[in-house]
């Protein structure tokens, strides 16, 4: 049973890791598109609404799709008064209870609340309100429930790692997030 939980947690961690590493390349794309927009504007005195909007799309994609990766690597902001002083078991309890009472319910709420919003955007294939803008607002809005699912999965992984640690099973410290100081 514990081995199966470890496999599930490892699979989720792998998904978060691969997604985060792939999405990181969008930051380079954001910089390159920004340079193109600036050169077009100040050198050639022209511009492109679609290019300018693509910067916002890329920025949103990095943050929405990178949230689970950031959680996996314990990179989210945390008010840490006592956590860093806790033992590994204490951290596991905090992570487990915090995930079950806060993270997972919030992810479920975001997922449920965003489905109609996203569905409405898809039903009309919502596009930009700007002339010459990107006609892909519906795709951008789709990133909201995708983010919720990825974050929900990584929260489940955190719970599994905590349960494994609390049960005494050998855990990969790199995956658990319990050995890092902030």
C-alpha atoms as a PDB file:
ATOM      1  CA  UNK A   1       0.000   0.000   0.000  1.00  0.00           C
ATOM      2  CA  UNK A   2       2.740   2.472   0.954  1.00  0.00           C
ATOM      3  CA  UNK A   3       4.646   1.625  -2.216  1.00  0.00           C
ATOM      4  CA  UNK A   4       1.555   2.453  -4.288  1.00  0.00           C
ATOM      5  CA  UNK A   5       1.210   5.815  -2.495  1.00  0.00           C
ATOM      6  CA  UNK A   6       4.869   6.520  -3.235  1.00  0.00           C
ATOM      7  CA  UNK A   7       4.319   5.712  -6.915  1.00  0.00           C
ATOM      8  CA  UNK A   8       1.302   8.017  -7.104  1.00  0.00           C
ATOM      9  CA  UNK A   9       3.164  10.852  -5.381  1.00  0.00           C
ATOM     10  CA  UNK A  10       6.175  10.334  -7.641  1.00  0.00           C
ATOM     11  CA  UNK A  11       3.956  10.394 -10.744  1.00  0.00           C
ATOM     12  CA  UNK A  12       2.323  13.655  -9.668  1.00  0.00           C
ATOM     13  CA  UNK A  13       5.715  15.157  -8.808  1.00  0.00           C
ATOM     14  CA  UNK A  14       7.022  14.151 -12.222  1.00  0.00           C
ATOM     15  CA  UNK A  15       4.053  15.847 -13.916  1.00  0.00           C
ATOM     16  CA  UNK A  16       4.611  19.036 -11.908  1.00  0.00           C
ATOM     17  CA  UNK A  17       8.341  18.964 -12.607  1.00  0.00           C
ATOM     18  CA  UNK A  18       7.937  18.486 -16.352  1.00  0.00           C
ATOM     19  CA  UNK A  19       5.178  21.073 -16.597  1.00  0.00           C
ATOM     20  CA  UNK A  20       7.203  23.609 -14.624  1.00  0.00           C
ATOM     21  CA  UNK A  21      10.348  23.087 -16.671  1.00  0.00           C
ATOM     22  CA  UNK A  22       8.432  23.374 -19.941  1.00  0.00           C
ATOM     23  CA  UNK A  23       6.583  26.492 -18.809  1.00  0.00           C
ATOM     24  CA  UNK A  24       9.847  28.108 -17.720  1.00  0.00           C
ATOM     25  CA  UNK A  25      10.727  28.476 -21.408  1.00  0.00           C
ATOM     26  CA  UNK A  26       7.759  30.821 -21.741  1.00  0.00           C
ATOM     27  CA  UNK A  27       9.700  33.389 -19.714  1.00  0.00           C
ATOM     28  CA  UNK A  28      12.307  33.468 -22.481  1.00  0.00           C
ATOM     29  CA  UNK A  29       9.533  33.820 -25.053  1.00  0.00           C
ATOM     30  CA  UNK A  30       8.090  36.701 -23.009  1.00  0.00           C
ATOM     31  CA  UNK A  31      11.418  38.525 -23.023  1.00  0.00           C
ATOM     32  CA  UNK A  32      11.909  37.970 -26.754  1.00  0.00           C
ATOM     33  CA  UNK A  33       8.403  39.150 -27.647  1.00  0.00           C
ATOM     34  CA  UNK A  34       8.856  42.190 -25.401  1.00  0.00           C
ATOM     35  CA  UNK A  35      12.089  43.075 -27.222  1.00  0.00           C
ATOM     36  CA  UNK A  36      10.296  42.737 -30.571  1.00  0.00           C
ATOM     37  CA  UNK A  37       7.464  45.009 -29.387  1.00  0.00           C
ATOM     38  CA  UNK A  38       9.929  47.641 -28.165  1.00  0.00           C
ATOM     39  CA  UNK A  39      11.989  47.519 -31.373  1.00  0.00           C
ATOM     40  CA  UNK A  40       8.868  47.764 -33.507  1.00  0.00           C
ATOM     41  CA  UNK A  41       7.582  50.718 -31.516  1.00  0.00           C
ATOM     42  CA  UNK A  42      10.755  52.774 -31.105  1.00  0.00           C
ATOM     43  CA  UNK A  43      12.761  51.834 -34.198  1.00  0.00           C
ATOM     44  CA  UNK A  44      10.046  51.286 -36.790  1.00  0.00           C
ATOM     45  CA  UNK A  45       7.296  53.455 -35.217  1.00  0.00           C
ATOM     46  CA  UNK A  46       4.752  50.661 -35.568  1.00  0.00           C
ATOM     47  CA  UNK A  47       3.135  48.205 -33.236  1.00  0.00           C
ATOM     48  CA  UNK A  48       1.074  45.090 -32.948  1.00  0.00           C
ATOM     49  CA  UNK A  49      -1.827  44.656 -30.550  1.00  0.00           C
ATOM     50  CA  UNK A  50      -1.556  40.883 -30.949  1.00  0.00           C
ATOM     51  CA  UNK A  51       2.128  40.906 -29.948  1.00  0.00           C
ATOM     52  CA  UNK A  52       1.398  43.135 -26.971  1.00  0.00           C
ATOM     53  CA  UNK A  53      -1.443  40.866 -25.848  1.00  0.00           C
ATOM     54  CA  UNK A  54       0.753  37.804 -26.304  1.00  0.00           C
ATOM     55  CA  UNK A  55       3.023  39.143 -23.574  1.00  0.00           C
ATOM     56  CA  UNK A  56       0.091  39.073 -21.144  1.00  0.00           C
ATOM     57  CA  UNK A  57      -0.889  35.580 -22.310  1.00  0.00           C
ATOM     58  CA  UNK A  58       2.645  34.291 -21.804  1.00  0.00           C
ATOM     59  CA  UNK A  59       2.897  35.964 -18.405  1.00  0.00           C
ATOM     60  CA  UNK A  60      -0.410  34.415 -17.307  1.00  0.00           C
ATOM     61  CA  UNK A  61       0.631  30.993 -18.584  1.00  0.00           C
ATOM     62  CA  UNK A  62       3.891  31.101 -16.625  1.00  0.00           C
ATOM     63  CA  UNK A  63       2.156  31.919 -13.355  1.00  0.00           C
ATOM     64  CA  UNK A  64      -0.889  29.696 -13.766  1.00  0.00           C
ATOM     65  CA  UNK A  65       0.872  26.638 -15.127  1.00  0.00           C
ATOM     66  CA  UNK A  66       3.931  27.091 -12.902  1.00  0.00           C
ATOM     67  CA  UNK A  67       1.997  27.201  -9.609  1.00  0.00           C
ATOM     68  CA  UNK A  68       2.168  23.443  -8.982  1.00  0.00           C
ATOM     69  CA  UNK A  69       5.891  23.362  -9.786  1.00  0.00           C
ATOM     70  CA  UNK A  70       6.429  26.219  -7.351  1.00  0.00           C
ATOM     71  CA  UNK A  71       4.445  24.383  -4.663  1.00  0.00           C
ATOM     72  CA  UNK A  72       6.492  21.224  -5.251  1.00  0.00           C
ATOM     73  CA  UNK A  73       9.661  23.219  -4.662  1.00  0.00           C
ATOM     74  CA  UNK A  74       8.231  25.018  -1.612  1.00  0.00           C
ATOM     75  CA  UNK A  75       8.508  28.364  -3.387  1.00  0.00           C
ATOM     76  CA  UNK A  76       5.181  29.907  -2.428  1.00  0.00           C
ATOM     77  CA  UNK A  77       5.108  32.698   0.127  1.00  0.00           C
ATOM     78  CA  UNK A  78       4.476  31.404   3.612  1.00  0.00           C
ATOM     79  CA  UNK A  79       4.179  33.192   6.922  1.00  0.00           C
ATOM     80  CA  UNK A  80       6.798  31.137   8.686  1.00  0.00           C
ATOM     81  CA  UNK A  81       6.924  31.802  12.390  1.00  0.00           C
ATOM     82  CA  UNK A  82       7.210  28.260  13.698  1.00  0.00           C
ATOM     83  CA  UNK A  83       7.469  25.974  10.662  1.00  0.00           C
ATOM     84  CA  UNK A  84      11.236  26.214  10.199  1.00  0.00           C
ATOM     85  CA  UNK A  85      11.788  25.147  13.820  1.00  0.00           C
ATOM     86  CA  UNK A  86       9.614  22.036  13.555  1.00  0.00           C
ATOM     87  CA  UNK A  87      10.913  18.508  13.172  1.00  0.00           C
ATOM     88  CA  UNK A  88      10.309  16.620   9.930  1.00  0.00           C
ATOM     89  CA  UNK A  89       7.234  15.008  11.515  1.00  0.00           C
ATOM     90  CA  UNK A  90       5.963  18.390  12.669  1.00  0.00           C
ATOM     91  CA  UNK A  91       6.386  19.805   9.178  1.00  0.00           C
ATOM     92  CA  UNK A  92       4.589  16.771   7.765  1.00  0.00           C
ATOM     93  CA  UNK A  93       1.640  17.407  10.086  1.00  0.00           C
ATOM     94  CA  UNK A  94       1.503  21.098   9.148  1.00  0.00           C
ATOM     95  CA  UNK A  95       1.687  20.266   5.432  1.00  0.00           C
ATOM     96  CA  UNK A  96      -0.952  17.550   5.729  1.00  0.00           C
ATOM     97  CA  UNK A  97      -3.439  19.589   7.751  1.00  0.00           C
ATOM     98  CA  UNK A  98      -2.783  22.754   5.750  1.00  0.00           C
ATOM     99  CA  UNK A  99      -3.265  20.928   2.465  1.00  0.00           C
ATOM    100  CA  UNK A 100      -6.445  19.183   3.589  1.00  0.00           C
ATOM    101  CA  UNK A 101      -8.046  22.238   5.190  1.00  0.00           C
ATOM    102  CA  UNK A 102      -6.794  25.053   2.967  1.00  0.00           C
ATOM    103  CA  UNK A 103      -5.042  24.116  -0.269  1.00  0.00           C
ATOM    104  CA  UNK A 104      -7.305  21.353  -1.559  1.00  0.00           C
ATOM    105  CA  UNK A 105     -10.604  23.131  -0.751  1.00  0.00           C
ATOM    106  CA  UNK A 106      -9.388  26.347  -2.393  1.00  0.00           C
ATOM    107  CA  UNK A 107      -8.270  24.439  -5.488  1.00  0.00           C
ATOM    108  CA  UNK A 108     -11.640  22.693  -5.677  1.00  0.00           C
ATOM    109  CA  UNK A 109     -13.425  26.026  -5.300  1.00  0.00           C
ATOM    110  CA  UNK A 110     -11.353  27.621  -8.068  1.00  0.00           C
ATOM    111  CA  UNK A 111     -11.943  24.612 -10.307  1.00  0.00           C
ATOM    112  CA  UNK A 112     -15.706  24.559  -9.769  1.00  0.00           C
ATOM    113  CA  UNK A 113     -16.063  28.345  -9.976  1.00  0.00           C
ATOM    114  CA  UNK A 114     -14.015  28.572 -13.157  1.00  0.00           C
ATOM    115  CA  UNK A 115     -15.808  25.874 -15.139  1.00  0.00           C
ATOM    116  CA  UNK A 116     -18.842  27.981 -16.099  1.00  0.00           C
ATOM    117  CA  UNK A 117     -16.645  31.023 -16.726  1.00  0.00           C
ATOM    118  CA  UNK A 118     -14.398  28.994 -19.017  1.00  0.00           C
ATOM    119  CA  UNK A 119     -17.322  27.207 -20.617  1.00  0.00           C
ATOM    120  CA  UNK A 120     -18.946  30.526 -21.510  1.00  0.00           C
ATOM    121  CA  UNK A 121     -15.705  31.707 -23.117  1.00  0.00           C
ATOM    122  CA  UNK A 122     -15.505  28.501 -25.160  1.00  0.00           C
ATOM    123  CA  UNK A 123     -19.165  28.676 -26.196  1.00  0.00           C
ATOM    124  CA  UNK A 124     -18.529  31.929 -28.062  1.00  0.00           C
ATOM    125  CA  UNK A 125     -14.824  31.304 -28.767  1.00  0.00           C
ATOM    126  CA  UNK A 126     -14.143  34.550 -26.942  1.00  0.00           C
ATOM    127  CA  UNK A 127     -11.503  36.736 -28.496  1.00  0.00           C
ATOM    128  CA  UNK A 128      -9.835  40.031 -27.823  1.00  0.00           C
ATOM    129  CA  UNK A 129     -11.887  43.181 -27.416  1.00  0.00           C
ATOM    130  CA  UNK A 130      -9.166  45.056 -29.266  1.00  0.00           C
ATOM    131  CA  UNK A 131      -9.078  45.281 -33.050  1.00  0.00           C
ATOM    132  CA  UNK A 132      -6.122  43.217 -34.192  1.00  0.00           C
ATOM    133  CA  UNK A 133      -5.875  41.430 -30.865  1.00  0.00           C
ATOM    134  CA  UNK A 134      -5.587  37.724 -30.229  1.00  0.00           C
ATOM    135  CA  UNK A 135      -8.766  35.746 -30.739  1.00  0.00           C
ATOM    136  CA  UNK A 136      -7.828  33.263 -28.053  1.00  0.00           C
ATOM    137  CA  UNK A 137      -9.183  34.645 -24.787  1.00  0.00           C
ATOM    138  CA  UNK A 138     -11.062  31.359 -24.376  1.00  0.00           C
ATOM    139  CA  UNK A 139      -7.721  29.526 -24.358  1.00  0.00           C
ATOM    140  CA  UNK A 140      -6.297  31.945 -21.810  1.00  0.00           C
ATOM    141  CA  UNK A 141      -9.309  31.423 -19.534  1.00  0.00           C
ATOM    142  CA  UNK A 142      -8.846  27.657 -19.846  1.00  0.00           C
ATOM    143  CA  UNK A 143      -5.586  28.010 -17.959  1.00  0.00           C
ATOM    144  CA  UNK A 144      -7.550  28.793 -14.763  1.00  0.00           C
ATOM    145  CA  UNK A 145      -9.128  25.343 -14.312  1.00  0.00           C
ATOM    146  CA  UNK A 146      -5.930  23.716 -15.608  1.00  0.00           C
ATOM    147  CA  UNK A 147      -4.004  25.537 -12.872  1.00  0.00           C
ATOM    148  CA  UNK A 148      -6.530  24.393 -10.277  1.00  0.00           C
ATOM    149  CA  UNK A 149      -6.184  20.750 -11.372  1.00  0.00           C
ATOM    150  CA  UNK A 150      -2.364  20.876 -11.413  1.00  0.00           C
ATOM    151  CA  UNK A 151      -2.264  22.567  -7.997  1.00  0.00           C
ATOM    152  CA  UNK A 152      -4.838  20.116  -6.640  1.00  0.00           C
ATOM    153  CA  UNK A 153      -2.740  17.186  -7.824  1.00  0.00           C
ATOM    154  CA  UNK A 154       0.413  18.626  -6.275  1.00  0.00           C
ATOM    155  CA  UNK A 155      -1.523  19.160  -3.041  1.00  0.00           C
ATOM    156  CA  UNK A 156      -2.481  15.483  -3.098  1.00  0.00           C
ATOM    157  CA  UNK A 157       1.186  14.654  -3.594  1.00  0.00           C
ATOM    158  CA  UNK A 158       2.100  16.797  -0.586  1.00  0.00           C
ATOM    159  CA  UNK A 159      -0.506  14.943   1.478  1.00  0.00           C
ATOM    160  CA  UNK A 160       0.848  11.593   0.329  1.00  0.00           C
ATOM    161  CA  UNK A 161       4.432  12.577   1.145  1.00  0.00           C
ATOM    162  CA  UNK A 162       3.318  13.717   4.594  1.00  0.00           C
ATOM    163  CA  UNK A 163       1.361  10.510   5.208  1.00  0.00           C
ATOM    164  CA  UNK A 164       4.336   8.437   4.083  1.00  0.00           C
ATOM    165  CA  UNK A 165       6.698  10.323   6.378  1.00  0.00           C
ATOM    166  CA  UNK A 166       4.294  10.064   9.317  1.00  0.00           C
ATOM    167  CA  UNK A 167       3.869   6.329   8.701  1.00  0.00           C
ATOM    168  CA  UNK A 168       7.629   5.836   8.856  1.00  0.00           C
ATOM    169  CA  UNK A 169       8.018   4.875   5.217  1.00  0.00           C
ATOM    170  CA  UNK A 170      11.320   5.900   3.645  1.00  0.00           C
ATOM    171  CA  UNK A 171      10.619   9.009   1.605  1.00  0.00           C
ATOM    172  CA  UNK A 172      12.661  10.817  -0.980  1.00  0.00           C
ATOM    173  CA  UNK A 173      13.513  14.046   0.851  1.00  0.00           C
ATOM    174  CA  UNK A 174      13.820  15.913  -2.442  1.00  0.00           C
ATOM    175  CA  UNK A 175      10.185  15.161  -3.324  1.00  0.00           C
ATOM    176  CA  UNK A 176       8.650  15.783   0.075  1.00  0.00           C
ATOM    177  CA  UNK A 177       9.606  19.434   0.472  1.00  0.00           C
ATOM    178  CA  UNK A 178      10.011  18.843   4.213  1.00  0.00           C
ATOM    179  CA  UNK A 179      13.770  19.213   4.389  1.00  0.00           C
ATOM    180  CA  UNK A 180      14.092  22.719   2.972  1.00  0.00           C
ATOM    181  CA  UNK A 181      14.379  25.869   4.994  1.00  0.00           C
ATOM    182  CA  UNK A 182      12.807  29.074   3.707  1.00  0.00           C
END
